[in-house]
């Protein structure tokens, strides 16, 4: 692993703890967990969508991160 050693190891340890907790919550039954995820996804699709922002607001929000187009030398 790369990085500053301890932090990456801590992150891996946390992922493993969470994975074990989720597995235990569903009785270590992968099929039950997948069914839960599918039902959750269906419920999210049925939920009322959030109001859309005006296109100009979206463009303003993205402006600082937009890539600049380079002019080609002619």
N, C-alpha and C. Protein backbone atom coordinates (compact mmCIF):
# COMPACT_ATOMS: atom_id res chain seq x y z
N UNK A 1 0.83 -1.19 0.00
CA UNK A 1 0.00 0.00 0.00
C UNK A 1 0.87 1.24 0.00
N UNK A 2 0.34 2.26 -0.62
CA UNK A 2 1.11 3.49 -0.71
C UNK A 2 0.52 4.52 0.22
N UNK A 3 1.14 5.66 0.26
CA UNK A 3 0.64 6.72 1.12
C UNK A 3 1.46 6.78 2.38
N UNK A 4 0.87 7.31 3.41
CA UNK A 4 1.61 7.47 4.65
C UNK A 4 1.36 6.28 5.58
N UNK A 5 1.43 5.10 5.04
CA UNK A 5 1.39 3.87 5.81
C UNK A 5 0.22 3.70 6.75
N UNK A 6 0.26 4.37 7.88
CA UNK A 6 -0.75 4.22 8.91
C UNK A 6 -2.15 4.57 8.45
N UNK A 7 -2.26 5.66 7.70
CA UNK A 7 -3.60 6.09 7.27
C UNK A 7 -4.21 5.09 6.31
N UNK A 8 -3.43 4.56 5.37
CA UNK A 8 -3.99 3.60 4.42
C UNK A 8 -4.36 2.31 5.13
N UNK A 9 -3.57 1.90 6.12
CA UNK A 9 -3.89 0.70 6.88
C UNK A 9 -5.17 0.92 7.69
N UNK A 10 -5.32 2.12 8.26
CA UNK A 10 -6.53 2.43 9.02
C UNK A 10 -7.76 2.38 8.13
N UNK A 11 -7.63 2.89 6.92
CA UNK A 11 -8.76 2.89 5.98
C UNK A 11 -9.15 1.47 5.62
N UNK A 12 -8.16 0.62 5.37
CA UNK A 12 -8.43 -0.77 5.03
C UNK A 12 -9.10 -1.48 6.20
N UNK A 13 -8.60 -1.22 7.39
CA UNK A 13 -9.20 -1.83 8.59
C UNK A 13 -10.65 -1.41 8.75
N UNK A 14 -10.95 -0.14 8.52
CA UNK A 14 -12.32 0.34 8.66
C UNK A 14 -13.23 -0.29 7.62
N UNK A 15 -12.76 -0.41 6.39
CA UNK A 15 -13.55 -1.05 5.34
C UNK A 15 -13.86 -2.48 5.73
N UNK A 16 -12.88 -3.17 6.27
CA UNK A 16 -13.09 -4.57 6.68
C UNK A 16 -14.08 -4.66 7.84
N UNK A 17 -14.00 -3.72 8.79
CA UNK A 17 -14.95 -3.73 9.92
C UNK A 17 -16.37 -3.50 9.44
N UNK A 18 -16.54 -2.55 8.54
CA UNK A 18 -17.88 -2.24 8.01
C UNK A 18 -18.41 -3.42 7.21
N UNK A 19 -17.56 -4.00 6.39
CA UNK A 19 -17.97 -5.16 5.58
C UNK A 19 -18.42 -6.31 6.47
N UNK A 20 -17.69 -6.56 7.54
CA UNK A 20 -18.05 -7.63 8.48
C UNK A 20 -19.37 -7.31 9.17
N UNK A 21 -19.57 -6.05 9.55
CA UNK A 21 -20.82 -5.65 10.22
C UNK A 21 -22.01 -5.82 9.29
N UNK A 22 -21.88 -5.42 8.04
CA UNK A 22 -22.97 -5.56 7.07
C UNK A 22 -23.27 -7.04 6.85
N UNK A 23 -22.23 -7.83 6.70
CA UNK A 23 -22.41 -9.26 6.50
C UNK A 23 -23.14 -9.89 7.68
N UNK A 24 -22.76 -9.52 8.89
CA UNK A 24 -23.41 -10.06 10.09
C UNK A 24 -24.87 -9.62 10.17
N UNK A 25 -25.15 -8.39 9.75
CA UNK A 25 -26.52 -7.87 9.79
C UNK A 25 -27.47 -8.72 8.95
N UNK A 26 -26.95 -9.30 7.87
CA UNK A 26 -27.77 -10.13 6.99
C UNK A 26 -27.50 -11.61 7.18
N UNK A 27 -26.96 -11.96 8.34
CA UNK A 27 -26.71 -13.36 8.65
C UNK A 27 -25.70 -14.01 7.72
N UNK A 28 -24.79 -13.23 7.21
CA UNK A 28 -23.75 -13.70 6.29
C UNK A 28 -24.37 -14.37 5.06
N UNK A 29 -25.56 -13.90 4.68
CA UNK A 29 -26.29 -14.44 3.52
C UNK A 29 -26.24 -13.41 2.40
N UNK A 30 -25.42 -13.69 1.39
CA UNK A 30 -25.21 -12.76 0.30
C UNK A 30 -26.51 -12.53 -0.48
N UNK A 31 -27.30 -13.57 -0.67
CA UNK A 31 -28.56 -13.42 -1.41
C UNK A 31 -29.51 -12.47 -0.69
N UNK A 32 -29.57 -12.56 0.64
CA UNK A 32 -30.43 -11.65 1.41
C UNK A 32 -29.95 -10.21 1.27
N UNK A 33 -28.65 -10.00 1.27
CA UNK A 33 -28.10 -8.66 1.13
C UNK A 33 -28.39 -8.09 -0.25
N UNK A 34 -28.22 -8.91 -1.29
CA UNK A 34 -28.49 -8.46 -2.66
C UNK A 34 -29.97 -8.11 -2.80
N UNK A 35 -30.86 -8.91 -2.22
CA UNK A 35 -32.29 -8.63 -2.28
C UNK A 35 -32.59 -7.30 -1.59
N UNK A 36 -31.96 -7.05 -0.46
CA UNK A 36 -32.13 -5.78 0.25
C UNK A 36 -31.70 -4.61 -0.64
N UNK A 37 -30.56 -4.75 -1.29
CA UNK A 37 -30.06 -3.68 -2.17
C UNK A 37 -31.02 -3.43 -3.33
N UNK A 38 -31.55 -4.48 -3.91
CA UNK A 38 -32.49 -4.32 -5.02
C UNK A 38 -33.76 -3.62 -4.57
N UNK A 39 -34.29 -3.99 -3.42
CA UNK A 39 -35.49 -3.34 -2.90
C UNK A 39 -35.22 -1.87 -2.59
N UNK A 40 -34.07 -1.59 -2.02
CA UNK A 40 -33.70 -0.21 -1.71
C UNK A 40 -33.64 0.62 -2.99
N UNK A 41 -33.07 0.03 -4.03
CA UNK A 41 -32.95 0.73 -5.30
C UNK A 41 -34.33 1.01 -5.90
N UNK A 42 -35.24 0.04 -5.82
CA UNK A 42 -36.60 0.25 -6.31
C UNK A 42 -37.27 1.39 -5.56
N UNK A 43 -37.11 1.42 -4.25
CA UNK A 43 -37.73 2.46 -3.43
C UNK A 43 -37.18 3.83 -3.76
N UNK A 44 -35.90 3.93 -4.06
CA UNK A 44 -35.32 5.22 -4.41
C UNK A 44 -35.85 5.71 -5.74
N UNK A 45 -36.08 4.80 -6.67
CA UNK A 45 -36.61 5.18 -7.98
C UNK A 45 -38.02 5.72 -7.86
N UNK A 46 -38.79 5.17 -6.90
CA UNK A 46 -40.18 5.59 -6.71
C UNK A 46 -40.28 6.93 -5.98
N UNK A 47 -39.24 7.30 -5.26
CA UNK A 47 -39.26 8.54 -4.50
C UNK A 47 -39.38 9.74 -5.44
N UNK A 48 -39.99 10.78 -4.95
CA UNK A 48 -40.17 11.99 -5.74
C UNK A 48 -38.80 12.60 -6.07
N UNK A 49 -38.54 12.86 -7.35
CA UNK A 49 -37.24 13.45 -7.70
C UNK A 49 -37.11 14.88 -7.18
N UNK A 50 -35.90 15.25 -6.89
CA UNK A 50 -35.63 16.60 -6.41
C UNK A 50 -35.88 17.60 -7.53
N UNK A 51 -36.17 18.83 -7.14
CA UNK A 51 -36.37 19.87 -8.14
C UNK A 51 -35.07 20.10 -8.88
N UNK A 52 -35.19 20.29 -10.19
CA UNK A 52 -34.01 20.53 -11.00
C UNK A 52 -33.65 22.01 -10.96
N UNK A 53 -32.36 22.26 -10.91
CA UNK A 53 -31.90 23.64 -10.95
C UNK A 53 -31.89 24.13 -12.38
N UNK A 54 -32.01 25.41 -12.53
CA UNK A 54 -31.95 26.01 -13.85
C UNK A 54 -30.58 25.75 -14.46
N UNK A 55 -30.53 25.61 -15.76
CA UNK A 55 -29.27 25.30 -16.45
C UNK A 55 -28.19 26.34 -16.16
N UNK A 56 -28.58 27.60 -16.03
CA UNK A 56 -27.58 28.64 -15.76
C UNK A 56 -26.95 28.43 -14.39
N UNK A 57 -27.75 27.98 -13.42
CA UNK A 57 -27.20 27.72 -12.08
C UNK A 57 -26.22 26.56 -12.11
N UNK A 58 -26.53 25.53 -12.89
CA UNK A 58 -25.63 24.39 -13.01
C UNK A 58 -24.33 24.83 -13.66
N UNK A 59 -24.42 25.63 -14.71
CA UNK A 59 -23.22 26.11 -15.40
C UNK A 59 -22.37 26.94 -14.45
N UNK A 60 -23.01 27.78 -13.64
CA UNK A 60 -22.27 28.59 -12.67
C UNK A 60 -21.56 27.70 -11.66
N UNK A 61 -22.22 26.66 -11.22
CA UNK A 61 -21.63 25.77 -10.23
C UNK A 61 -20.44 25.02 -10.79
N UNK A 62 -20.49 24.68 -12.07
CA UNK A 62 -19.40 23.93 -12.70
C UNK A 62 -18.27 24.82 -13.20
N UNK A 63 -18.51 26.09 -13.36
CA UNK A 63 -17.54 26.99 -13.97
C UNK A 63 -16.13 26.89 -13.38
N UNK A 64 -15.97 26.87 -12.07
CA UNK A 64 -14.60 26.82 -11.54
C UNK A 64 -13.86 25.54 -11.92
N UNK A 65 -14.60 24.49 -12.26
CA UNK A 65 -13.97 23.20 -12.53
C UNK A 65 -13.91 22.88 -14.02
N UNK A 66 -14.47 23.73 -14.84
CA UNK A 66 -14.52 23.47 -16.28
C UNK A 66 -13.12 23.53 -16.87
N UNK A 67 -12.89 22.66 -17.82
CA UNK A 67 -11.60 22.68 -18.50
C UNK A 67 -11.60 23.79 -19.52
N UNK A 68 -10.50 24.42 -19.64
CA UNK A 68 -10.38 25.48 -20.63
C UNK A 68 -9.96 24.86 -21.95
N UNK A 69 -10.56 25.34 -23.02
CA UNK A 69 -10.19 24.85 -24.33
C UNK A 69 -8.92 25.56 -24.78
N UNK A 70 -7.99 24.76 -25.29
CA UNK A 70 -6.75 25.35 -25.77
C UNK A 70 -6.90 25.73 -27.22
N UNK A 71 -6.35 26.86 -27.55
CA UNK A 71 -6.36 27.30 -28.95
C UNK A 71 -5.22 26.60 -29.67
N UNK A 72 -5.54 26.10 -30.85
CA UNK A 72 -4.51 25.44 -31.65
C UNK A 72 -3.68 26.48 -32.39
N UNK A 73 -2.43 26.19 -32.47
CA UNK A 73 -1.54 27.07 -33.24
C UNK A 73 -1.83 26.86 -34.72
N UNK A 74 -1.93 27.95 -35.44
CA UNK A 74 -2.24 27.84 -36.87
C UNK A 74 -1.06 28.13 -37.74
